[in-house]
Amino acid sequence: MKKLFFLLAAVAVVLALTNPSEADFREHVRQKEGLAGTLGMAVADLFSGSKKGGIRRENFLLASRFYVGGDGILPRENVAWGIAGFFIETQGR
């Protein structure tokens, strides 16, 4: 039982340490979509009406949810989950 606990604790620590940040997600979009993705993020930042930018991150310690909008004129739209340094997109981006 102790081994299982330590294994689960080690997995949780690894997931927490590799939890991607907002900058990691922005870089992911830039690499995947190129100029169109960069321009899309710039437009979202412009229309967000917030100093924090158009792309936001909800941190759940082991994983993060990334979304666009939620304040200003853009409605909130979940775009991806990030876990262990990878991104799982939740819509057809």
PDB file of N, CA and C in Angstrom:
ATOM      1  N   MET A   1       0.822  -1.188   0.000  1.00  0.00           N
ATOM      2  CA  MET A   1       0.000   0.000   0.000  1.00  0.00           C
ATOM      3  C   MET A   1       0.869   1.257   0.000  1.00  0.00           C
ATOM      4  N   LYS A   2       2.003   1.209   0.719  1.00  0.00           N
ATOM      5  CA  LYS A   2       2.906   2.354   0.742  1.00  0.00           C
ATOM      6  C   LYS A   2       3.498   2.620  -0.639  1.00  0.00           C
ATOM      7  N   LYS A   3       3.831   1.543  -1.353  1.00  0.00           N
ATOM      8  CA  LYS A   3       4.415   1.705  -2.682  1.00  0.00           C
ATOM      9  C   LYS A   3       3.428   2.391  -3.630  1.00  0.00           C
ATOM     10  N   LEU A   4       2.176   2.002  -3.554  1.00  0.00           N
ATOM     11  CA  LEU A   4       1.157   2.619  -4.393  1.00  0.00           C
ATOM     12  C   LEU A   4       1.011   4.106  -4.055  1.00  0.00           C
ATOM     13  N   PHE A   5       1.008   4.429  -2.779  1.00  0.00           N
ATOM     14  CA  PHE A   5       0.910   5.824  -2.357  1.00  0.00           C
ATOM     15  C   PHE A   5       2.095   6.641  -2.873  1.00  0.00           C
ATOM     16  N   PHE A   6       3.291   6.123  -2.728  1.00  0.00           N
ATOM     17  CA  PHE A   6       4.478   6.837  -3.202  1.00  0.00           C
ATOM     18  C   PHE A   6       4.487   6.968  -4.732  1.00  0.00           C
ATOM     19  N   LEU A   7       4.014   5.950  -5.420  1.00  0.00           N
ATOM     20  CA  LEU A   7       3.925   6.017  -6.873  1.00  0.00           C
ATOM     21  C   LEU A   7       2.929   7.104  -7.304  1.00  0.00           C
ATOM     22  N   LEU A   8       1.769   7.128  -6.680  1.00  0.00           N
ATOM     23  CA  LEU A   8       0.776   8.155  -6.997  1.00  0.00           C
ATOM     24  C   LEU A   8       1.273   9.558  -6.641  1.00  0.00           C
ATOM     25  N   ALA A   9       1.976   9.668  -5.528  1.00  0.00           N
ATOM     26  CA  ALA A   9       2.539  10.965  -5.129  1.00  0.00           C
ATOM     27  C   ALA A   9       3.602  11.411  -6.131  1.00  0.00           C
ATOM     28  N   ALA A  10       4.422  10.487  -6.600  1.00  0.00           N
ATOM     29  CA  ALA A  10       5.453  10.828  -7.582  1.00  0.00           C
ATOM     30  C   ALA A  10       4.826  11.264  -8.909  1.00  0.00           C
ATOM     31  N   VAL A  11       3.777  10.576  -9.335  1.00  0.00           N
ATOM     32  CA  VAL A  11       3.080  10.958 -10.563  1.00  0.00           C
ATOM     33  C   VAL A  11       2.469  12.348 -10.410  1.00  0.00           C
ATOM     34  N   ALA A  12       1.863  12.628  -9.262  1.00  0.00           N
ATOM     35  CA  ALA A  12       1.270  13.941  -9.016  1.00  0.00           C
ATOM     36  C   ALA A  12       2.322  15.041  -9.045  1.00  0.00           C
ATOM     37  N   VAL A  13       3.488  14.798  -8.474  1.00  0.00           N
ATOM     38  CA  VAL A  13       4.567  15.792  -8.479  1.00  0.00           C
ATOM     39  C   VAL A  13       5.050  16.041  -9.903  1.00  0.00           C
ATOM     40  N   VAL A  14       5.217  14.988 -10.679  1.00  0.00           N
ATOM     41  CA  VAL A  14       5.664  15.145 -12.065  1.00  0.00           C
ATOM     42  C   VAL A  14       4.633  15.932 -12.867  1.00  0.00           C
ATOM     43  N   LEU A  15       3.349  15.627 -12.692  1.00  0.00           N
ATOM     44  CA  LEU A  15       2.308  16.362 -13.409  1.00  0.00           C
ATOM     45  C   LEU A  15       2.279  17.835 -12.994  1.00  0.00           C
ATOM     46  N   ALA A  16       2.451  18.101 -11.726  1.00  0.00           N
ATOM     47  CA  ALA A  16       2.455  19.490 -11.250  1.00  0.00           C
ATOM     48  C   ALA A  16       3.653  20.258 -11.805  1.00  0.00           C
ATOM     49  N   LEU A  17       4.801  19.617 -11.891  1.00  0.00           N
ATOM     50  CA  LEU A  17       5.999  20.292 -12.394  1.00  0.00           C
ATOM     51  C   LEU A  17       5.956  20.519 -13.905  1.00  0.00           C
ATOM     52  N   THR A  18       5.218  19.686 -14.628  1.00  0.00           N
ATOM     53  CA  THR A  18       5.153  19.813 -16.082  1.00  0.00           C
ATOM     54  C   THR A  18       3.859  20.470 -16.549  1.00  0.00           C
ATOM     55  N   ASN A  19       3.096  21.031 -15.622  1.00  0.00           N
ATOM     56  CA  ASN A  19       1.851  21.717 -15.957  1.00  0.00           C
ATOM     57  C   ASN A  19       2.175  22.933 -16.823  1.00  0.00           C
ATOM     58  N   PRO A  20       1.647  23.007 -18.056  1.00  0.00           N
ATOM     59  CA  PRO A  20       2.013  24.108 -18.953  1.00  0.00           C
ATOM     60  C   PRO A  20       1.443  25.451 -18.514  1.00  0.00           C
ATOM     61  N   SER A  21       2.165  26.503 -18.850  1.00  0.00           N
ATOM     62  CA  SER A  21       1.757  27.866 -18.510  1.00  0.00           C
ATOM     63  C   SER A  21       1.046  28.510 -19.705  1.00  0.00           C
ATOM     64  N   GLU A  22       0.575  29.733 -19.500  1.00  0.00           N
ATOM     65  CA  GLU A  22      -0.056  30.472 -20.593  1.00  0.00           C
ATOM     66  C   GLU A  22       0.943  30.742 -21.717  1.00  0.00           C
ATOM     67  N   ALA A  23       2.178  31.037 -21.359  1.00  0.00           N
ATOM     68  CA  ALA A  23       3.221  31.266 -22.377  1.00  0.00           C
ATOM     69  C   ALA A  23       3.473  29.993 -23.189  1.00  0.00           C
ATOM     70  N   ASP A  24       3.443  28.843 -22.542  1.00  0.00           N
ATOM     71  CA  ASP A  24       3.606  27.569 -23.258  1.00  0.00           C
ATOM     72  C   ASP A  24       2.463  27.362 -24.254  1.00  0.00           C
ATOM     73  N   PHE A  25       1.243  27.712 -23.835  1.00  0.00           N
ATOM     74  CA  PHE A  25       0.103  27.562 -24.742  1.00  0.00           C
ATOM     75  C   PHE A  25       0.205  28.521 -25.925  1.00  0.00           C
ATOM     76  N   ARG A  26       0.620  29.758 -25.663  1.00  0.00           N
ATOM     77  CA  ARG A  26       0.782  30.718 -26.757  1.00  0.00           C
ATOM     78  C   ARG A  26       1.839  30.217 -27.754  1.00  0.00           C
ATOM     79  N   GLU A  27       2.924  29.649 -27.259  1.00  0.00           N
ATOM     80  CA  GLU A  27       3.961  29.111 -28.143  1.00  0.00           C
ATOM     81  C   GLU A  27       3.433  27.915 -28.937  1.00  0.00           C
ATOM     82  N   HIS A  28       2.624  27.089 -28.300  1.00  0.00           N
ATOM     83  CA  HIS A  28       2.003  25.951 -28.977  1.00  0.00           C
ATOM     84  C   HIS A  28       1.139  26.430 -30.144  1.00  0.00           C
ATOM     85  N   VAL A  29       0.325  27.471 -29.906  1.00  0.00           N
ATOM     86  CA  VAL A  29      -0.534  28.010 -30.967  1.00  0.00           C
ATOM     87  C   VAL A  29       0.320  28.598 -32.086  1.00  0.00           C
ATOM     88  N   ARG A  30       1.386  29.310 -31.734  1.00  0.00           N
ATOM     89  CA  ARG A  30       2.271  29.895 -32.756  1.00  0.00           C
ATOM     90  C   ARG A  30       2.897  28.812 -33.632  1.00  0.00           C
ATOM     91  N   GLN A  31       3.356  27.735 -33.014  1.00  0.00           N
ATOM     92  CA  GLN A  31       3.988  26.659 -33.776  1.00  0.00           C
ATOM     93  C   GLN A  31       2.991  25.903 -34.636  1.00  0.00           C
ATOM     94  N   LYS A  32       1.802  25.688 -34.111  1.00  0.00           N
ATOM     95  CA  LYS A  32       0.814  24.894 -34.825  1.00  0.00           C
ATOM     96  C   LYS A  32       0.141  25.681 -35.944  1.00  0.00           C
ATOM     97  N   GLU A  33      -0.220  26.944 -35.682  1.00  0.00           N
ATOM     98  CA  GLU A  33      -1.011  27.706 -36.637  1.00  0.00           C
ATOM     99  C   GLU A  33      -0.240  28.810 -37.345  1.00  0.00           C
ATOM    100  N   GLY A  34       0.979  29.064 -36.932  1.00  0.00           N
ATOM    101  CA  GLY A  34       1.807  30.052 -37.600  1.00  0.00           C
ATOM    102  C   GLY A  34       1.279  31.466 -37.476  1.00  0.00           C
ATOM    103  N   LEU A  35       1.324  32.201 -38.577  1.00  0.00           N
ATOM    104  CA  LEU A  35       0.927  33.603 -38.587  1.00  0.00           C
ATOM    105  C   LEU A  35      -0.545  33.783 -38.245  1.00  0.00           C
ATOM    106  N   ALA A  36      -1.400  32.899 -38.715  1.00  0.00           N
ATOM    107  CA  ALA A  36      -2.831  33.001 -38.423  1.00  0.00           C
ATOM    108  C   ALA A  36      -3.094  32.882 -36.918  1.00  0.00           C
ATOM    109  N   GLY A  37      -2.408  31.963 -36.258  1.00  0.00           N
ATOM    110  CA  GLY A  37      -2.565  31.809 -34.817  1.00  0.00           C
ATOM    111  C   GLY A  37      -2.060  33.013 -34.054  1.00  0.00           C
ATOM    112  N   THR A  38      -0.930  33.570 -34.499  1.00  0.00           N
ATOM    113  CA  THR A  38      -0.369  34.756 -33.857  1.00  0.00           C
ATOM    114  C   THR A  38      -1.314  35.937 -34.004  1.00  0.00           C
ATOM    115  N   LEU A  39      -1.865  36.118 -35.197  1.00  0.00           N
ATOM    116  CA  LEU A  39      -2.817  37.211 -35.410  1.00  0.00           C
ATOM    117  C   LEU A  39      -4.105  36.986 -34.621  1.00  0.00           C
ATOM    118  N   GLY A  40      -4.562  35.760 -34.550  1.00  0.00           N
ATOM    119  CA  GLY A  40      -5.755  35.446 -33.760  1.00  0.00           C
ATOM    120  C   GLY A  40      -5.573  35.762 -32.287  1.00  0.00           C
ATOM    121  N   MET A  41      -4.400  35.434 -31.748  1.00  0.00           N
ATOM    122  CA  MET A  41      -4.127  35.760 -30.342  1.00  0.00           C
ATOM    123  C   MET A  41      -4.044  37.263 -30.138  1.00  0.00           C
ATOM    124  N   ALA A  42      -3.466  37.983 -31.113  1.00  0.00           N
ATOM    125  CA  ALA A  42      -3.370  39.439 -31.006  1.00  0.00           C
ATOM    126  C   ALA A  42      -4.758  40.073 -31.019  1.00  0.00           C
ATOM    127  N   VAL A  43      -5.656  39.583 -31.866  1.00  0.00           N
ATOM    128  CA  VAL A  43      -7.018  40.101 -31.914  1.00  0.00           C
ATOM    129  C   VAL A  43      -7.753  39.791 -30.613  1.00  0.00           C
ATOM    130  N   ALA A  44      -7.581  38.581 -30.087  1.00  0.00           N
ATOM    131  CA  ALA A  44      -8.207  38.219 -28.811  1.00  0.00           C
ATOM    132  C   ALA A  44      -7.685  39.112 -27.689  1.00  0.00           C
ATOM    133  N   ASP A  45      -6.394  39.404 -27.693  1.00  0.00           N
ATOM    134  CA  ASP A  45      -5.819  40.306 -26.687  1.00  0.00           C
ATOM    135  C   ASP A  45      -6.399  41.710 -26.824  1.00  0.00           C
ATOM    136  N   LEU A  46      -6.579  42.152 -28.051  1.00  0.00           N
ATOM    137  CA  LEU A  46      -7.092  43.494 -28.310  1.00  0.00           C
ATOM    138  C   LEU A  46      -8.540  43.644 -27.844  1.00  0.00           C
ATOM    139  N   PHE A  47      -9.367  42.649 -28.145  1.00  0.00           N
ATOM    140  CA  PHE A  47     -10.786  42.730 -27.818  1.00  0.00           C
ATOM    141  C   PHE A  47     -11.141  42.237 -26.422  1.00  0.00           C
ATOM    142  N   SER A  48     -10.187  41.750 -25.672  1.00  0.00           N
ATOM    143  CA  SER A  48     -10.503  41.186 -24.364  1.00  0.00           C
ATOM    144  C   SER A  48     -10.946  42.238 -23.360  1.00  0.00           C
ATOM    145  N   GLY A  49     -10.468  43.446 -23.504  1.00  0.00           N
ATOM    146  CA  GLY A  49     -10.843  44.498 -22.557  1.00  0.00           C
ATOM    147  C   GLY A  49     -10.166  44.344 -21.211  1.00  0.00           C
ATOM    148  N   SER A  50      -9.122  43.559 -21.151  1.00  0.00           N
ATOM    149  CA  SER A  50      -8.413  43.308 -19.901  1.00  0.00           C
ATOM    150  C   SER A  50      -6.919  43.429 -20.143  1.00  0.00           C
ATOM    151  N   LYS A  51      -6.199  43.816 -19.119  1.00  0.00           N
ATOM    152  CA  LYS A  51      -4.741  43.909 -19.230  1.00  0.00           C
ATOM    153  C   LYS A  51      -4.084  42.531 -19.235  1.00  0.00           C
ATOM    154  N   LYS A  52      -4.822  41.510 -18.815  1.00  0.00           N
ATOM    155  CA  LYS A  52      -4.262  40.160 -18.740  1.00  0.00           C
ATOM    156  C   LYS A  52      -4.188  39.475 -20.102  1.00  0.00           C
ATOM    157  N   GLY A  53      -4.896  39.998 -21.081  1.00  0.00           N
ATOM    158  CA  GLY A  53      -4.857  39.410 -22.414  1.00  0.00           C
ATOM    159  C   GLY A  53      -6.080  38.573 -22.705  1.00  0.00           C
ATOM    160  N   GLY A  54      -6.181  38.137 -23.942  1.00  0.00           N
ATOM    161  CA  GLY A  54      -7.352  37.388 -24.390  1.00  0.00           C
ATOM    162  C   GLY A  54      -7.321  35.921 -24.025  1.00  0.00           C
ATOM    163  N   ILE A  55      -6.144  35.335 -23.918  1.00  0.00           N
ATOM    164  CA  ILE A  55      -6.031  33.920 -23.562  1.00  0.00           C
ATOM    165  C   ILE A  55      -5.742  33.831 -22.071  1.00  0.00           C
ATOM    166  N   ARG A  56      -6.548  33.055 -21.388  1.00  0.00           N
ATOM    167  CA  ARG A  56      -6.397  32.909 -19.939  1.00  0.00           C
ATOM    168  C   ARG A  56      -6.201  31.443 -19.579  1.00  0.00           C
ATOM    169  N   ARG A  57      -5.757  31.242 -18.356  1.00  0.00           N
ATOM    170  CA  ARG A  57      -5.462  29.888 -17.870  1.00  0.00           C
ATOM    171  C   ARG A  57      -6.088  29.687 -16.506  1.00  0.00           C
ATOM    172  N   GLU A  58      -6.797  28.576 -16.342  1.00  0.00           N
ATOM    173  CA  GLU A  58      -7.268  28.146 -15.032  1.00  0.00           C
ATOM    174  C   GLU A  58      -6.352  27.012 -14.598  1.00  0.00           C
ATOM    175  N   ASN A  59      -5.666  27.198 -13.489  1.00  0.00           N
ATOM    176  CA  ASN A  59      -4.702  26.212 -13.015  1.00  0.00           C
ATOM    177  C   ASN A  59      -5.369  25.275 -12.017  1.00  0.00           C
ATOM    178  N   PHE A  60      -5.334  23.987 -12.302  1.00  0.00           N
ATOM    179  CA  PHE A  60      -5.868  22.964 -11.409  1.00  0.00           C
ATOM    180  C   PHE A  60      -4.745  22.116 -10.815  1.00  0.00           C
ATOM    181  N   LEU A  61      -3.570  22.684 -10.668  1.00  0.00           N
ATOM    182  CA  LEU A  61      -2.358  22.107 -10.112  1.00  0.00           C
ATOM    183  C   LEU A  61      -1.761  21.001 -10.989  1.00  0.00           C
ATOM    184  N   LEU A  62      -2.538  19.977 -11.334  1.00  0.00           N
ATOM    185  CA  LEU A  62      -2.017  18.887 -12.156  1.00  0.00           C
ATOM    186  C   LEU A  62      -2.277  19.115 -13.640  1.00  0.00           C
ATOM    187  N   ALA A  63      -3.229  19.966 -13.957  1.00  0.00           N
ATOM    188  CA  ALA A  63      -3.595  20.282 -15.342  1.00  0.00           C
ATOM    189  C   ALA A  63      -4.101  21.715 -15.388  1.00  0.00           C
ATOM    190  N   SER A  64      -4.189  22.262 -16.587  1.00  0.00           N
ATOM    191  CA  SER A  64      -4.690  23.623 -16.765  1.00  0.00           C
ATOM    192  C   SER A  64      -5.695  23.649 -17.903  1.00  0.00           C
ATOM    193  N   ARG A  65      -6.701  24.535 -17.750  1.00  0.00           N
ATOM    194  CA  ARG A  65      -7.663  24.753 -18.829  1.00  0.00           C
ATOM    195  C   ARG A  65      -7.400  26.143 -19.392  1.00  0.00           C
ATOM    196  N   PHE A  66      -7.305  26.238 -20.710  1.00  0.00           N
ATOM    197  CA  PHE A  66      -7.049  27.502 -21.387  1.00  0.00           C
ATOM    198  C   PHE A  66      -8.324  27.942 -22.088  1.00  0.00           C
ATOM    199  N   TYR A  67      -8.632  29.233 -21.973  1.00  0.00           N
ATOM    200  CA  TYR A  67      -9.842  29.754 -22.596  1.00  0.00           C
ATOM    201  C   TYR A  67      -9.595  31.149 -23.144  1.00  0.00           C
ATOM    202  N   VAL A  68     -10.486  31.559 -24.052  1.00  0.00           N
ATOM    203  CA  VAL A  68     -10.418  32.864 -24.684  1.00  0.00           C
ATOM    204  C   VAL A  68     -11.644  33.641 -24.235  1.00  0.00           C
ATOM    205  N   GLY A  69     -11.453  34.926 -23.972  1.00  0.00           N
ATOM    206  CA  GLY A  69     -12.574  35.806 -23.643  1.00  0.00           C
ATOM    207  C   GLY A  69     -13.014  35.681 -22.202  1.00  0.00           C
ATOM    208  N   GLY A  70     -14.320  35.922 -22.004  1.00  0.00           N
ATOM    209  CA  GLY A  70     -14.875  35.850 -20.666  1.00  0.00           C
ATOM    210  C   GLY A  70     -15.115  37.214 -20.051  1.00  0.00           C
ATOM    211  N   ASP A  71     -14.526  38.235 -20.627  1.00  0.00           N
ATOM    212  CA  ASP A  71     -14.790  39.598 -20.194  1.00  0.00           C
ATOM    213  C   ASP A  71     -14.685  40.496 -21.426  1.00  0.00           C
ATOM    214  N   GLY A  72     -15.149  41.688 -21.327  1.00  0.00           N
ATOM    215  CA  GLY A  72     -15.143  42.544 -22.503  1.00  0.00           C
ATOM    216  C   GLY A  72     -16.225  42.107 -23.473  1.00  0.00           C
ATOM    217  N   ILE A  73     -15.936  42.137 -24.760  1.00  0.00           N
ATOM    218  CA  ILE A  73     -16.951  41.784 -25.745  1.00  0.00           C
ATOM    219  C   ILE A  73     -16.863  40.334 -26.213  1.00  0.00           C
ATOM    220  N   LEU A  74     -15.789  39.648 -25.874  1.00  0.00           N
ATOM    221  CA  LEU A  74     -15.648  38.252 -26.279  1.00  0.00           C
ATOM    222  C   LEU A  74     -16.293  37.323 -25.263  1.00  0.00           C
ATOM    223  N   PRO A  75     -17.173  36.414 -25.702  1.00  0.00           N
ATOM    224  CA  PRO A  75     -17.717  35.432 -24.769  1.00  0.00           C
ATOM    225  C   PRO A  75     -16.645  34.387 -24.431  1.00  0.00           C
ATOM    226  N   ARG A  76     -16.769  33.783 -23.265  1.00  0.00           N
ATOM    227  CA  ARG A  76     -15.785  32.775 -22.856  1.00  0.00           C
ATOM    228  C   ARG A  76     -15.937  31.523 -23.710  1.00  0.00           C
ATOM    229  N   GLU A  77     -14.792  31.022 -24.166  1.00  0.00           N
ATOM    230  CA  GLU A  77     -14.762  29.821 -24.985  1.00  0.00           C
ATOM    231  C   GLU A  77     -13.546  28.998 -24.587  1.00  0.00           C
ATOM    232  N   ASN A  78     -13.779  27.795 -24.057  1.00  0.00           N
ATOM    233  CA  ASN A  78     -12.680  26.898 -23.702  1.00  0.00           C
ATOM    234  C   ASN A  78     -12.017  26.394 -24.969  1.00  0.00           C
ATOM    235  N   VAL A  79     -10.676  26.445 -25.009  1.00  0.00           N
ATOM    236  CA  VAL A  79      -9.980  26.036 -26.226  1.00  0.00           C
ATOM    237  C   VAL A  79      -9.074  24.827 -26.029  1.00  0.00           C
ATOM    238  N   ALA A  80      -8.554  24.602 -24.826  1.00  0.00           N
ATOM    239  CA  ALA A  80      -7.642  23.464 -24.657  1.00  0.00           C
ATOM    240  C   ALA A  80      -7.426  23.147 -23.185  1.00  0.00           C
ATOM    241  N   TRP A  81      -7.006  21.927 -22.954  1.00  0.00           N
ATOM    242  CA  TRP A  81      -6.503  21.487 -21.644  1.00  0.00           C
ATOM    243  C   TRP A  81      -5.013  21.234 -21.805  1.00  0.00           C
ATOM    244  N   GLY A  82      -4.239  21.549 -20.784  1.00  0.00           N
ATOM    245  CA  GLY A  82      -2.816  21.265 -20.791  1.00  0.00           C
ATOM    246  C   GLY A  82      -2.466  20.352 -19.630  1.00  0.00           C
ATOM    247  N   ILE A  83      -1.745  19.285 -19.931  1.00  0.00           N
ATOM    248  CA  ILE A  83      -1.320  18.347 -18.889  1.00  0.00           C
ATOM    249  C   ILE A  83       0.007  17.721 -19.321  1.00  0.00           C
ATOM    250  N   ALA A  84       0.925  17.647 -18.400  1.00  0.00           N
ATOM    251  CA  ALA A  84       2.238  17.022 -18.627  1.00  0.00           C
ATOM    252  C   ALA A  84       2.974  17.622 -19.819  1.00  0.00           C
ATOM    253  N   GLY A  85       2.810  18.928 -20.039  1.00  0.00           N
ATOM    254  CA  GLY A  85       3.500  19.597 -21.123  1.00  0.00           C
ATOM    255  C   GLY A  85       2.853  19.439 -22.490  1.00  0.00           C
ATOM    256  N   PHE A  86       1.691  18.768 -22.552  1.00  0.00           N
ATOM    257  CA  PHE A  86       0.970  18.559 -23.805  1.00  0.00           C
ATOM    258  C   PHE A  86      -0.355  19.307 -23.764  1.00  0.00           C
ATOM    259  N   PHE A  87      -0.936  19.521 -24.936  1.00  0.00           N
ATOM    260  CA  PHE A  87      -2.199  20.230 -25.030  1.00  0.00           C
ATOM    261  C   PHE A  87      -3.235  19.358 -25.725  1.00  0.00           C
ATOM    262  N   ILE A  88      -4.426  19.339 -25.173  1.00  0.00           N
ATOM    263  CA  ILE A  88      -5.552  18.614 -25.740  1.00  0.00           C
ATOM    264  C   ILE A  88      -6.583  19.673 -26.111  1.00  0.00           C
ATOM    265  N   GLU A  89      -6.754  19.891 -27.386  1.00  0.00           N
ATOM    266  CA  GLU A  89      -7.662  20.945 -27.827  1.00  0.00           C
ATOM    267  C   GLU A  89      -9.097  20.468 -27.720  1.00  0.00           C
ATOM    268  N   THR A  90      -9.972  21.356 -27.237  1.00  0.00           N
ATOM    269  CA  THR A  90     -11.362  20.989 -27.001  1.00  0.00           C
ATOM    270  C   THR A  90     -12.296  21.458 -28.084  1.00  0.00           C
ATOM    271  N   GLN A  91     -11.762  22.100 -29.098  1.00  0.00           N
ATOM    272  CA  GLN A  91     -12.572  22.524 -30.237  1.00  0.00           C
ATOM    273  C   GLN A  91     -11.738  22.389 -31.498  1.00  0.00           C
ATOM    274  N   GLY A  92     -12.365  22.536 -32.625  1.00  0.00           N
ATOM    275  CA  GLY A  92     -11.689  22.357 -33.907  1.00  0.00           C
ATOM    276  C   GLY A  92     -10.837  23.544 -34.283  1.00  0.00           C
ATOM    277  N   ARG A  93      -9.764  23.779 -33.587  1.00  0.00           N
ATOM    278  CA  ARG A  93      -8.830  24.869 -33.892  1.00  0.00           C
ATOM    279  C   ARG A  93      -7.870  24.426 -34.928  1.00  0.00           C
TER     280      ARG A  93
END
